[in-house]
Amino acid sequence: RPVASALTALAGAERWWLLAAATGFALAFACTVGAWRAALAAAGGRIDARQAGARIGVGSLVNAFAPAKLGEAVKLALCARAVESDSKLSTMGGAYAALTAARSLALVALVITASATGALPVWPAFGLLGLVAVLAVLVASSRRVRCHGRVARLLSGLAALAQSPRRLAAVGGWTFAMAGAQLCATVAVAAALGLPHPVSAALVILPVL
């Protein structure tokens, strides 16, 4: 019944807004692929756009059905198989750390914008900034920490990322572009369904998801 009511709502939605939403989500996926490729390149790995799109697409489909973001693990596993790198652990770990930091900063921007409109509280932004700070501390201490070999390789991957500011900027640029495309697409969906405040609705929906 909930699925049937959702399909009924879509049938009555504004089709041009839905087309705009589909275009926005397609652009967001393209930006996601760009962010993953930039992150892997910054960590010393290489993967072409077609392979990255296919593997990230499979992970995104898994995320649509599986709990606990299991699709992220699928993305990492599939991309690791195609990455050309001598140390895949540090490459994939460093790349995912960069993506996590960039996504957290993009989400902070969304939360702050939503809090400015009164749609959300501002406290989640501090938790996300804390996550970015933890990653920064790991990068700063990577040369001094001596621990298990795999952890050491992961920290070396983080340190390699810190030495490539241009590529890190590319990761951030693609990630913020992805967040912007998702926001515009979500606004279009809300407008297509006739919600009275589509921008405010989108500013709540995206951080909650």
N, C-alpha and C. Protein backbone atom coordinates (compact mmCIF):
# COMPACT_ATOMS: atom_id res chain seq x y z
N ARG A 1 0.80 -1.22 0.00
CA ARG A 1 0.00 0.00 0.00
C ARG A 1 0.84 1.28 0.00
N PRO A 2 1.90 1.36 0.82
CA PRO A 2 2.74 2.58 0.74
C PRO A 2 3.36 2.76 -0.64
N VAL A 3 3.80 1.66 -1.26
CA VAL A 3 4.39 1.77 -2.61
C VAL A 3 3.33 2.23 -3.61
N ALA A 4 2.13 1.67 -3.49
CA ALA A 4 1.06 2.06 -4.40
C ALA A 4 0.71 3.53 -4.26
N SER A 5 0.66 4.02 -3.01
CA SER A 5 0.35 5.44 -2.80
C SER A 5 1.48 6.33 -3.32
N ALA A 6 2.72 5.86 -3.19
CA ALA A 6 3.84 6.64 -3.73
C ALA A 6 3.77 6.72 -5.24
N LEU A 7 3.45 5.61 -5.90
CA LEU A 7 3.33 5.63 -7.36
C LEU A 7 2.17 6.52 -7.80
N THR A 8 1.09 6.52 -7.02
CA THR A 8 -0.04 7.41 -7.33
C THR A 8 0.38 8.87 -7.23
N ALA A 9 1.17 9.18 -6.20
CA ALA A 9 1.66 10.56 -6.04
C ALA A 9 2.56 10.95 -7.20
N LEU A 10 3.42 10.03 -7.64
CA LEU A 10 4.29 10.32 -8.77
C LEU A 10 3.49 10.51 -10.06
N ALA A 11 2.44 9.73 -10.21
CA ALA A 11 1.61 9.86 -11.41
C ALA A 11 0.98 11.24 -11.51
N GLY A 12 0.71 11.85 -10.36
CA GLY A 12 0.11 13.18 -10.37
C GLY A 12 1.12 14.31 -10.26
N ALA A 13 2.41 13.99 -10.28
CA ALA A 13 3.44 15.01 -10.12
C ALA A 13 3.68 15.77 -11.43
N GLU A 14 4.29 16.93 -11.29
CA GLU A 14 4.66 17.73 -12.46
C GLU A 14 5.82 17.06 -13.19
N ARG A 15 5.58 16.69 -14.43
CA ARG A 15 6.57 15.89 -15.16
C ARG A 15 7.85 16.66 -15.46
N TRP A 16 7.75 17.95 -15.72
CA TRP A 16 8.96 18.72 -16.02
C TRP A 16 9.85 18.83 -14.78
N TRP A 17 9.24 18.96 -13.61
CA TRP A 17 10.03 18.96 -12.38
C TRP A 17 10.70 17.61 -12.16
N LEU A 18 9.98 16.53 -12.46
CA LEU A 18 10.56 15.19 -12.31
C LEU A 18 11.73 15.01 -13.29
N LEU A 19 11.60 15.53 -14.50
CA LEU A 19 12.70 15.45 -15.47
C LEU A 19 13.91 16.22 -14.96
N ALA A 20 13.65 17.40 -14.38
CA ALA A 20 14.75 18.18 -13.81
C ALA A 20 15.41 17.43 -12.65
N ALA A 21 14.59 16.74 -11.84
CA ALA A 21 15.14 15.97 -10.73
C ALA A 21 16.00 14.82 -11.23
N ALA A 22 15.51 14.10 -12.25
CA ALA A 22 16.29 13.00 -12.81
C ALA A 22 17.62 13.50 -13.37
N THR A 23 17.59 14.66 -14.04
CA THR A 23 18.82 15.24 -14.56
C THR A 23 19.78 15.59 -13.43
N GLY A 24 19.24 16.16 -12.35
CA GLY A 24 20.08 16.52 -11.21
C GLY A 24 20.72 15.31 -10.56
N PHE A 25 19.97 14.24 -10.39
CA PHE A 25 20.53 13.04 -9.78
C PHE A 25 21.57 12.38 -10.69
N ALA A 26 21.35 12.45 -12.00
CA ALA A 26 22.35 11.92 -12.93
C ALA A 26 23.65 12.72 -12.84
N LEU A 27 23.53 14.05 -12.74
CA LEU A 27 24.72 14.88 -12.57
C LEU A 27 25.41 14.58 -11.24
N ALA A 28 24.61 14.34 -10.19
CA ALA A 28 25.19 14.01 -8.89
C ALA A 28 25.99 12.71 -8.95
N PHE A 29 25.47 11.72 -9.68
CA PHE A 29 26.19 10.46 -9.82
C PHE A 29 27.49 10.67 -10.59
N ALA A 30 27.44 11.48 -11.65
CA ALA A 30 28.66 11.77 -12.40
C ALA A 30 29.70 12.46 -11.52
N CYS A 31 29.25 13.38 -10.66
CA CYS A 31 30.17 14.05 -9.73
C CYS A 31 30.73 13.06 -8.71
N THR A 32 29.91 12.08 -8.28
CA THR A 32 30.39 11.05 -7.36
C THR A 32 31.52 10.25 -7.99
N VAL A 33 31.34 9.87 -9.25
CA VAL A 33 32.39 9.14 -9.95
C VAL A 33 33.65 10.00 -10.04
N GLY A 34 33.48 11.29 -10.35
CA GLY A 34 34.64 12.18 -10.40
C GLY A 34 35.35 12.29 -9.07
N ALA A 35 34.58 12.34 -7.97
CA ALA A 35 35.19 12.43 -6.64
C ALA A 35 35.97 11.17 -6.30
N TRP A 36 35.41 10.00 -6.60
CA TRP A 36 36.11 8.75 -6.33
C TRP A 36 37.40 8.66 -7.14
N ARG A 37 37.34 9.02 -8.41
CA ARG A 37 38.55 8.97 -9.25
C ARG A 37 39.61 9.93 -8.75
N ALA A 38 39.19 11.15 -8.35
CA ALA A 38 40.15 12.12 -7.83
C ALA A 38 40.76 11.64 -6.52
N ALA A 39 39.94 11.03 -5.66
CA ALA A 39 40.46 10.53 -4.38
C ALA A 39 41.44 9.39 -4.59
N LEU A 40 41.12 8.49 -5.49
CA LEU A 40 42.03 7.38 -5.77
C LEU A 40 43.33 7.88 -6.40
N ALA A 41 43.22 8.87 -7.29
CA ALA A 41 44.43 9.43 -7.89
C ALA A 41 45.30 10.11 -6.85
N ALA A 42 44.67 10.82 -5.90
CA ALA A 42 45.43 11.48 -4.85
C ALA A 42 46.14 10.48 -3.95
N ALA A 43 45.56 9.28 -3.82
CA ALA A 43 46.16 8.25 -2.97
C ALA A 43 47.11 7.34 -3.75
N GLY A 44 47.29 7.62 -5.02
CA GLY A 44 48.25 6.85 -5.81
C GLY A 44 47.64 5.75 -6.66
N GLY A 45 46.32 5.72 -6.81
CA GLY A 45 45.66 4.69 -7.62
C GLY A 45 45.11 5.27 -8.91
N ARG A 46 44.77 4.39 -9.84
CA ARG A 46 44.21 4.81 -11.11
C ARG A 46 43.04 3.91 -11.47
N ILE A 47 41.96 4.51 -11.98
CA ILE A 47 40.81 3.76 -12.45
C ILE A 47 40.11 4.62 -13.50
N ASP A 48 39.73 4.02 -14.64
CA ASP A 48 39.11 4.83 -15.68
C ASP A 48 37.65 5.10 -15.34
N ALA A 49 37.07 6.06 -16.05
CA ALA A 49 35.72 6.54 -15.72
C ALA A 49 34.67 5.45 -15.91
N ARG A 50 34.80 4.63 -16.96
CA ARG A 50 33.80 3.59 -17.20
C ARG A 50 33.79 2.56 -16.09
N GLN A 51 34.99 2.09 -15.70
CA GLN A 51 35.08 1.12 -14.62
C GLN A 51 34.59 1.71 -13.30
N ALA A 52 34.99 2.95 -13.02
CA ALA A 52 34.56 3.58 -11.77
C ALA A 52 33.04 3.74 -11.74
N GLY A 53 32.45 4.16 -12.86
CA GLY A 53 31.00 4.34 -12.90
C GLY A 53 30.25 3.04 -12.68
N ALA A 54 30.75 1.96 -13.31
CA ALA A 54 30.08 0.67 -13.16
C ALA A 54 30.16 0.17 -11.73
N ARG A 55 31.34 0.25 -11.12
CA ARG A 55 31.52 -0.28 -9.77
C ARG A 55 30.80 0.56 -8.72
N ILE A 56 30.87 1.86 -8.85
CA ILE A 56 30.16 2.73 -7.91
C ILE A 56 28.66 2.59 -8.09
N GLY A 57 28.22 2.38 -9.34
CA GLY A 57 26.80 2.16 -9.59
C GLY A 57 26.27 0.92 -8.91
N VAL A 58 27.05 -0.17 -8.95
CA VAL A 58 26.64 -1.39 -8.26
C VAL A 58 26.53 -1.14 -6.75
N GLY A 59 27.53 -0.45 -6.19
CA GLY A 59 27.48 -0.13 -4.76
C GLY A 59 26.29 0.74 -4.39
N SER A 60 25.95 1.68 -5.27
CA SER A 60 24.79 2.53 -5.00
C SER A 60 23.49 1.73 -5.02
N LEU A 61 23.39 0.76 -5.93
CA LEU A 61 22.20 -0.10 -5.97
C LEU A 61 22.10 -0.93 -4.69
N VAL A 62 23.25 -1.41 -4.19
CA VAL A 62 23.24 -2.17 -2.94
C VAL A 62 22.77 -1.28 -1.80
N ASN A 63 23.23 -0.04 -1.78
CA ASN A 63 22.81 0.90 -0.73
C ASN A 63 21.30 1.14 -0.75
N ALA A 64 20.69 1.02 -1.94
CA ALA A 64 19.26 1.27 -2.04
C ALA A 64 18.43 0.18 -1.36
N PHE A 65 19.04 -1.02 -1.17
CA PHE A 65 18.28 -2.14 -0.62
C PHE A 65 18.85 -2.66 0.70
N ALA A 66 20.16 -2.57 0.88
CA ALA A 66 20.79 -3.16 2.06
C ALA A 66 20.90 -2.14 3.18
N PRO A 67 20.87 -2.59 4.43
CA PRO A 67 21.01 -1.67 5.57
C PRO A 67 22.46 -1.30 5.83
N ALA A 68 22.66 -0.31 6.70
CA ALA A 68 23.98 0.03 7.26
C ALA A 68 25.00 0.42 6.19
N LYS A 69 24.52 0.98 5.07
CA LYS A 69 25.44 1.45 4.03
C LYS A 69 26.41 0.37 3.57
N LEU A 70 25.93 -0.85 3.42
CA LEU A 70 26.79 -1.93 2.96
C LEU A 70 27.30 -1.69 1.54
N GLY A 71 26.59 -0.86 0.81
CA GLY A 71 27.03 -0.54 -0.53
C GLY A 71 28.38 0.15 -0.58
N GLU A 72 28.74 0.87 0.50
CA GLU A 72 30.05 1.52 0.54
C GLU A 72 31.16 0.48 0.54
N ALA A 73 30.96 -0.61 1.28
CA ALA A 73 31.95 -1.69 1.28
C ALA A 73 32.03 -2.34 -0.10
N VAL A 74 30.89 -2.45 -0.77
CA VAL A 74 30.88 -3.01 -2.12
C VAL A 74 31.65 -2.11 -3.07
N LYS A 75 31.45 -0.81 -2.96
CA LYS A 75 32.20 0.13 -3.81
C LYS A 75 33.70 -0.02 -3.59
N LEU A 76 34.12 -0.08 -2.32
CA LEU A 76 35.54 -0.22 -2.02
C LEU A 76 36.10 -1.52 -2.59
N ALA A 77 35.37 -2.62 -2.39
CA ALA A 77 35.87 -3.92 -2.85
C ALA A 77 35.97 -3.96 -4.37
N LEU A 78 34.96 -3.45 -5.06
CA LEU A 78 34.97 -3.51 -6.52
C LEU A 78 36.01 -2.56 -7.11
N CYS A 79 36.13 -1.36 -6.55
CA CYS A 79 37.13 -0.42 -7.06
C CYS A 79 38.54 -0.92 -6.79
N ALA A 80 38.74 -1.61 -5.66
CA ALA A 80 40.07 -2.14 -5.34
C ALA A 80 40.52 -3.15 -6.39
N ARG A 81 39.58 -3.88 -6.98
CA ARG A 81 39.94 -4.87 -7.98
C ARG A 81 40.43 -4.23 -9.27
N ALA A 82 39.98 -3.00 -9.54
CA ALA A 82 40.35 -2.33 -10.78
C ALA A 82 41.48 -1.32 -10.61
N VAL A 83 41.81 -0.98 -9.36
CA VAL A 83 42.82 0.04 -9.11
C VAL A 83 44.21 -0.51 -9.41
N GLU A 84 45.00 0.29 -10.12
CA GLU A 84 46.39 -0.07 -10.40
C GLU A 84 47.28 0.59 -9.35
N SER A 85 47.66 -0.18 -8.34
CA SER A 85 48.47 0.36 -7.25
C SER A 85 49.21 -0.79 -6.57
N ASP A 86 50.42 -0.50 -6.07
CA ASP A 86 51.20 -1.53 -5.39
C ASP A 86 50.63 -1.85 -4.01
N SER A 87 50.05 -0.87 -3.34
CA SER A 87 49.50 -1.06 -2.01
C SER A 87 48.03 -0.65 -2.02
N LYS A 88 47.15 -1.62 -2.29
CA LYS A 88 45.74 -1.31 -2.43
C LYS A 88 45.11 -0.90 -1.10
N LEU A 89 45.61 -1.43 0.02
CA LEU A 89 45.02 -1.09 1.32
C LEU A 89 45.18 0.39 1.61
N SER A 90 46.40 0.89 1.48
CA SER A 90 46.62 2.31 1.77
C SER A 90 45.94 3.19 0.73
N THR A 91 45.91 2.72 -0.54
CA THR A 91 45.26 3.50 -1.59
C THR A 91 43.77 3.64 -1.32
N MET A 92 43.09 2.51 -1.07
CA MET A 92 41.65 2.55 -0.85
C MET A 92 41.31 3.22 0.48
N GLY A 93 42.10 2.93 1.53
CA GLY A 93 41.84 3.55 2.82
C GLY A 93 42.03 5.05 2.78
N GLY A 94 43.12 5.50 2.16
CA GLY A 94 43.37 6.93 2.06
C GLY A 94 42.32 7.63 1.21
N ALA A 95 41.94 6.98 0.09
CA ALA A 95 40.92 7.57 -0.78
C ALA A 95 39.60 7.71 -0.05
N TYR A 96 39.20 6.67 0.68
CA TYR A 96 37.91 6.72 1.37
C TYR A 96 37.95 7.74 2.51
N ALA A 97 39.10 7.89 3.16
CA ALA A 97 39.23 8.91 4.20
C ALA A 97 39.03 10.30 3.61
N ALA A 98 39.61 10.54 2.43
CA ALA A 98 39.44 11.84 1.78
C ALA A 98 37.99 12.07 1.40
N LEU A 99 37.33 11.03 0.87
CA LEU A 99 35.92 11.16 0.51
C LEU A 99 35.05 11.42 1.74
N THR A 100 35.35 10.73 2.83
CA THR A 100 34.59 10.91 4.06
C THR A 100 34.72 12.35 4.58
N ALA A 101 35.95 12.87 4.57
CA ALA A 101 36.17 14.24 5.03
C ALA A 101 35.43 15.24 4.14
N ALA A 102 35.52 15.04 2.82
CA ALA A 102 34.86 15.97 1.89
C ALA A 102 33.35 15.91 2.04
N ARG A 103 32.80 14.70 2.18
CA ARG A 103 31.35 14.58 2.36
C ARG A 103 30.90 15.21 3.68
N SER A 104 31.72 15.05 4.71
CA SER A 104 31.38 15.65 6.00
C SER A 104 31.33 17.17 5.90
N LEU A 105 32.30 17.75 5.20
CA LEU A 105 32.31 19.20 5.05
C LEU A 105 31.11 19.68 4.22
N ALA A 106 30.77 18.92 3.17
CA ALA A 106 29.60 19.29 2.37
C ALA A 106 28.33 19.19 3.20
N LEU A 107 28.26 18.17 4.05
CA LEU A 107 27.09 18.01 4.91
C LEU A 107 27.03 19.10 5.97
N VAL A 108 28.19 19.53 6.46
CA VAL A 108 28.24 20.65 7.40
C VAL A 108 27.63 21.90 6.75
N ALA A 109 28.00 22.13 5.50
CA ALA A 109 27.45 23.29 4.80
C ALA A 109 25.93 23.19 4.67
N LEU A 110 25.41 21.99 4.39
CA LEU A 110 23.97 21.80 4.30
C LEU A 110 23.29 22.03 5.64
N VAL A 111 23.89 21.47 6.71
CA VAL A 111 23.28 21.61 8.04
C VAL A 111 23.27 23.06 8.48
N ILE A 112 24.37 23.78 8.24
CA ILE A 112 24.42 25.19 8.63
C ILE A 112 23.39 26.00 7.85
N THR A 113 23.26 25.70 6.55
CA THR A 113 22.25 26.40 5.76
C THR A 113 20.84 26.10 6.27
N ALA A 114 20.59 24.82 6.58
CA ALA A 114 19.28 24.43 7.09
C ALA A 114 19.00 25.06 8.45
N SER A 115 20.03 25.13 9.30
CA SER A 115 19.84 25.73 10.63
C SER A 115 19.58 27.23 10.52
N ALA A 116 20.18 27.87 9.50
CA ALA A 116 19.94 29.30 9.31
C ALA A 116 18.49 29.59 8.94
N THR A 117 17.84 28.62 8.31
CA THR A 117 16.43 28.80 7.95
C THR A 117 15.49 28.27 9.03
N GLY A 118 16.07 27.69 10.10
CA GLY A 118 15.25 27.14 11.17
C GLY A 118 14.74 25.75 10.92
N ALA A 119 15.21 25.09 9.85
CA ALA A 119 14.72 23.76 9.52
C ALA A 119 15.39 22.66 10.33
N LEU A 120 16.64 22.90 10.76
CA LEU A 120 17.39 21.89 11.51
C LEU A 120 18.19 22.58 12.61
N PRO A 121 18.53 21.85 13.69
CA PRO A 121 19.46 22.40 14.68
C PRO A 121 20.88 22.40 14.13
N VAL A 122 21.74 23.19 14.73
CA VAL A 122 23.10 23.32 14.21
C VAL A 122 24.07 22.31 14.82
N TRP A 123 23.69 21.61 15.92
CA TRP A 123 24.66 20.77 16.63
C TRP A 123 25.22 19.62 15.79
N PRO A 124 24.50 19.02 14.81
CA PRO A 124 25.14 17.95 14.04
C PRO A 124 26.39 18.41 13.29
N ALA A 125 26.46 19.70 12.97
CA ALA A 125 27.63 20.20 12.26
C ALA A 125 28.90 20.04 13.08
N PHE A 126 28.82 20.19 14.40
CA PHE A 126 30.01 20.07 15.24
C PHE A 126 30.51 18.63 15.28
N GLY A 127 29.58 17.67 15.29
CA GLY A 127 30.01 16.28 15.25
C GLY A 127 30.71 15.94 13.95
N LEU A 128 30.21 16.47 12.83
CA LEU A 128 30.84 16.21 11.54
C LEU A 128 32.22 16.88 11.46
N LEU A 129 32.32 18.09 12.00
CA LEU A 129 33.63 18.75 12.02
C LEU A 129 34.61 17.98 12.91
N GLY A 130 34.10 17.34 13.98
CA GLY A 130 34.96 16.52 14.82
C GLY A 130 35.53 15.35 14.05
N LEU A 131 34.73 14.74 13.17
CA LEU A 131 35.22 13.63 12.34
C LEU A 131 36.34 14.10 11.43
N VAL A 132 36.17 15.27 10.82
CA VAL A 132 37.22 15.81 9.96
C VAL A 132 38.48 16.09 10.78
N ALA A 133 38.31 16.59 12.00
CA ALA A 133 39.46 16.87 12.86
C ALA A 133 40.22 15.60 13.21
N VAL A 134 39.50 14.51 13.47
CA VAL A 134 40.16 13.23 13.76
C VAL A 134 41.01 12.78 12.58
N LEU A 135 40.48 12.89 11.37
CA LEU A 135 41.25 12.52 10.19
C LEU A 135 42.49 13.41 10.04
N ALA A 136 42.34 14.69 10.34
CA ALA A 136 43.48 15.60 10.25
C ALA A 136 44.56 15.22 11.26
N VAL A 137 44.16 14.84 12.46
CA VAL A 137 45.13 14.41 13.48
C VAL A 137 45.85 13.14 13.03
N LEU A 138 45.13 12.20 12.43
CA LEU A 138 45.76 10.98 11.93
C LEU A 138 46.81 11.30 10.87
N VAL A 139 46.47 12.23 9.98
CA VAL A 139 47.44 12.61 8.95
C VAL A 139 48.68 13.23 9.60
N ALA A 140 48.46 14.14 10.57
CA ALA A 140 49.59 14.82 11.21
C ALA A 140 50.47 13.87 11.99
N SER A 141 49.90 12.81 12.54
CA SER A 141 50.67 11.89 13.39
C SER A 141 51.10 10.63 12.66
N SER A 142 50.88 10.55 11.35
CA SER A 142 51.12 9.31 10.63
C SER A 142 52.59 8.89 10.67
N ARG A 143 53.51 9.85 10.71
CA ARG A 143 54.93 9.49 10.72
C ARG A 143 55.42 9.07 12.10
N ARG A 144 54.68 9.43 13.14
CA ARG A 144 55.15 9.12 14.49
C ARG A 144 54.49 7.86 15.06
N VAL A 145 53.35 7.48 14.48
CA VAL A 145 52.65 6.31 15.01
C VAL A 145 53.32 5.04 14.52
N ARG A 146 53.59 4.13 15.43
CA ARG A 146 54.17 2.84 15.10
C ARG A 146 53.24 1.76 15.64
N CYS A 147 52.58 1.05 14.75
CA CYS A 147 51.60 0.07 15.19
C CYS A 147 51.56 -1.06 14.17
N HIS A 148 50.45 -1.75 14.10
CA HIS A 148 50.30 -2.88 13.19
C HIS A 148 50.58 -2.44 11.76
N GLY A 149 51.17 -3.34 10.97
CA GLY A 149 51.58 -3.00 9.62
C GLY A 149 50.48 -2.45 8.75
N ARG A 150 49.28 -3.05 8.83
CA ARG A 150 48.17 -2.58 7.99
C ARG A 150 47.73 -1.18 8.39
N VAL A 151 47.69 -0.90 9.68
CA VAL A 151 47.32 0.44 10.14
C VAL A 151 48.36 1.45 9.69
N ALA A 152 49.63 1.04 9.77
CA ALA A 152 50.70 1.94 9.33
C ALA A 152 50.57 2.27 7.85
N ARG A 153 50.20 1.27 7.05
CA ARG A 153 50.04 1.52 5.61
C ARG A 153 48.85 2.44 5.35
N LEU A 154 47.79 2.26 6.15
CA LEU A 154 46.64 3.15 6.00
C LEU A 154 47.02 4.59 6.32
N LEU A 155 47.78 4.77 7.41
CA LEU A 155 48.22 6.12 7.78
C LEU A 155 49.15 6.70 6.73
N SER A 156 49.97 5.86 6.10
CA SER A 156 50.84 6.36 5.04
C SER A 156 50.01 6.82 3.84
N GLY A 157 48.88 6.13 3.59
CA GLY A 157 47.99 6.58 2.54
C GLY A 157 47.38 7.93 2.84
N LEU A 158 47.01 8.15 4.10
CA LEU A 158 46.49 9.46 4.50
C LEU A 158 47.54 10.54 4.34
N ALA A 159 48.79 10.21 4.72
CA ALA A 159 49.87 11.19 4.59
C ALA A 159 50.12 11.53 3.13
N ALA A 160 50.03 10.53 2.25
CA ALA A 160 50.21 10.79 0.82
C ALA A 160 49.14 11.75 0.29
N LEU A 161 47.93 11.63 0.81
CA LEU A 161 46.87 12.54 0.41
C LEU A 161 47.17 13.97 0.83
N ALA A 162 47.71 14.12 2.05
CA ALA A 162 48.01 15.46 2.55
C ALA A 162 49.07 16.17 1.72
N GLN A 163 49.88 15.40 1.00
CA GLN A 163 50.95 15.98 0.19
C GLN A 163 50.48 16.35 -1.22
N SER A 164 49.21 16.19 -1.51
CA SER A 164 48.67 16.51 -2.84
C SER A 164 47.49 17.46 -2.71
N PRO A 165 47.74 18.73 -2.36
CA PRO A 165 46.62 19.66 -2.14
C PRO A 165 45.77 19.89 -3.39
N ARG A 166 46.39 19.85 -4.58
CA ARG A 166 45.61 20.08 -5.80
C ARG A 166 44.58 18.97 -6.00
N ARG A 167 45.00 17.73 -5.78
CA ARG A 167 44.08 16.61 -5.94
C ARG A 167 43.05 16.57 -4.82
N LEU A 168 43.48 16.96 -3.62
CA LEU A 168 42.50 17.05 -2.53
C LEU A 168 41.44 18.11 -2.83
N ALA A 169 41.88 19.22 -3.44
CA ALA A 169 40.92 20.25 -3.84
C ALA A 169 39.95 19.71 -4.89
N ALA A 170 40.45 18.84 -5.78
CA ALA A 170 39.58 18.22 -6.78
C ALA A 170 38.54 17.33 -6.12
N VAL A 171 38.96 16.56 -5.09
CA VAL A 171 38.01 15.72 -4.36
C VAL A 171 36.92 16.59 -3.73
N GLY A 172 37.34 17.67 -3.08
CA GLY A 172 36.37 18.57 -2.46
C GLY A 172 35.45 19.22 -3.48
N GLY A 173 36.01 19.63 -4.61
CA GLY A 173 35.20 20.27 -5.64
C GLY A 173 34.13 19.34 -6.20
N TRP A 174 34.53 18.09 -6.53
CA TRP A 174 33.57 17.12 -7.04
C TRP A 174 32.51 16.81 -5.98
N THR A 175 32.93 16.71 -4.72
CA THR A 175 31.98 16.36 -3.65
C THR A 175 30.97 17.47 -3.42
N PHE A 176 31.43 18.71 -3.40
CA PHE A 176 30.49 19.82 -3.21
C PHE A 176 29.58 19.97 -4.42
N ALA A 177 30.11 19.69 -5.61
CA ALA A 177 29.25 19.71 -6.80
C ALA A 177 28.19 18.63 -6.71
N MET A 178 28.57 17.44 -6.20
CA MET A 178 27.60 16.37 -6.01
C MET A 178 26.50 16.79 -5.03
N ALA A 179 26.90 17.40 -3.90
CA ALA A 179 25.92 17.84 -2.91
C ALA A 179 24.99 18.90 -3.50
N GLY A 180 25.54 19.80 -4.30
CA GLY A 180 24.72 20.83 -4.93
C GLY A 180 23.72 20.24 -5.91
N ALA A 181 24.18 19.25 -6.71
CA ALA A 181 23.28 18.61 -7.66
C ALA A 181 22.18 17.83 -6.94
N GLN A 182 22.55 17.14 -5.86
CA GLN A 182 21.54 16.42 -5.08
C GLN A 182 20.52 17.36 -4.47
N LEU A 183 21.00 18.51 -3.98
CA LEU A 183 20.07 19.48 -3.38
C LEU A 183 19.10 20.00 -4.43
N CYS A 184 19.61 20.36 -5.60
CA CYS A 184 18.73 20.87 -6.65
C CYS A 184 17.73 19.80 -7.09
N ALA A 185 18.20 18.55 -7.20
CA ALA A 185 17.31 17.46 -7.61
C ALA A 185 16.23 17.22 -6.57
N THR A 186 16.59 17.29 -5.29
CA THR A 186 15.61 17.07 -4.23
C THR A 186 14.60 18.21 -4.18
N VAL A 187 15.05 19.43 -4.41
CA VAL A 187 14.12 20.56 -4.50
C VAL A 187 13.13 20.33 -5.65
N ALA A 188 13.64 19.82 -6.77
CA ALA A 188 12.77 19.56 -7.92
C ALA A 188 11.73 18.49 -7.60
N VAL A 189 12.14 17.43 -6.87
CA VAL A 189 11.18 16.40 -6.48
C VAL A 189 10.10 16.99 -5.58
N ALA A 190 10.52 17.78 -4.60
CA ALA A 190 9.55 18.39 -3.69
C ALA A 190 8.59 19.31 -4.44
N ALA A 191 9.12 20.06 -5.40
CA ALA A 191 8.27 20.94 -6.19
C ALA A 191 7.31 20.13 -7.07
N ALA A 192 7.80 19.02 -7.61
CA ALA A 192 6.96 18.17 -8.46
C ALA A 192 5.79 17.59 -7.69
N LEU A 193 6.01 17.32 -6.40
CA LEU A 193 4.95 16.75 -5.57
C LEU A 193 4.06 17.81 -4.93
N GLY A 194 4.37 19.09 -5.19
CA GLY A 194 3.52 20.16 -4.71
C GLY A 194 3.73 20.54 -3.26
N LEU A 195 4.91 20.24 -2.68
CA LEU A 195 5.17 20.64 -1.30
C LEU A 195 5.25 22.17 -1.20
N PRO A 196 4.76 22.76 -0.13
CA PRO A 196 4.69 24.23 -0.06
C PRO A 196 6.05 24.91 0.06
N HIS A 197 7.04 24.25 0.66
CA HIS A 197 8.36 24.85 0.82
C HIS A 197 9.42 23.85 0.35
N PRO A 198 9.61 23.70 -0.96
CA PRO A 198 10.49 22.66 -1.49
C PRO A 198 11.95 22.82 -1.08
N VAL A 199 12.44 24.05 -0.97
CA VAL A 199 13.84 24.24 -0.59
C VAL A 199 14.06 23.81 0.86
N SER A 200 13.16 24.23 1.76
CA SER A 200 13.28 23.83 3.16
C SER A 200 13.16 22.31 3.30
N ALA A 201 12.25 21.72 2.53
CA ALA A 201 12.10 20.26 2.58
C ALA A 201 13.39 19.57 2.16
N ALA A 202 14.01 20.06 1.09
CA ALA A 202 15.26 19.45 0.61
C ALA A 202 16.38 19.60 1.63
N LEU A 203 16.42 20.75 2.31
CA LEU A 203 17.47 20.99 3.31
C LEU A 203 17.31 20.08 4.52
N VAL A 204 16.12 19.56 4.74
CA VAL A 204 15.91 18.59 5.82
C VAL A 204 16.16 17.17 5.33
N ILE A 205 15.66 16.85 4.14
CA ILE A 205 15.73 15.49 3.61
C ILE A 205 17.18 15.03 3.42
N LEU A 206 18.01 15.85 2.79
CA LEU A 206 19.37 15.41 2.47
C LEU A 206 20.22 15.13 3.70
N PRO A 207 20.31 16.03 4.68
CA PRO A 207 21.10 15.68 5.88
C PRO A 207 20.57 14.48 6.62
N VAL A 208 19.22 14.34 6.69
CA VAL A 208 18.66 13.19 7.40
C VAL A 208 19.04 11.88 6.72
N LEU A 209 18.99 11.85 5.39
CA LEU A 209 19.39 10.65 4.66
C LEU A 209 20.86 10.34 4.87
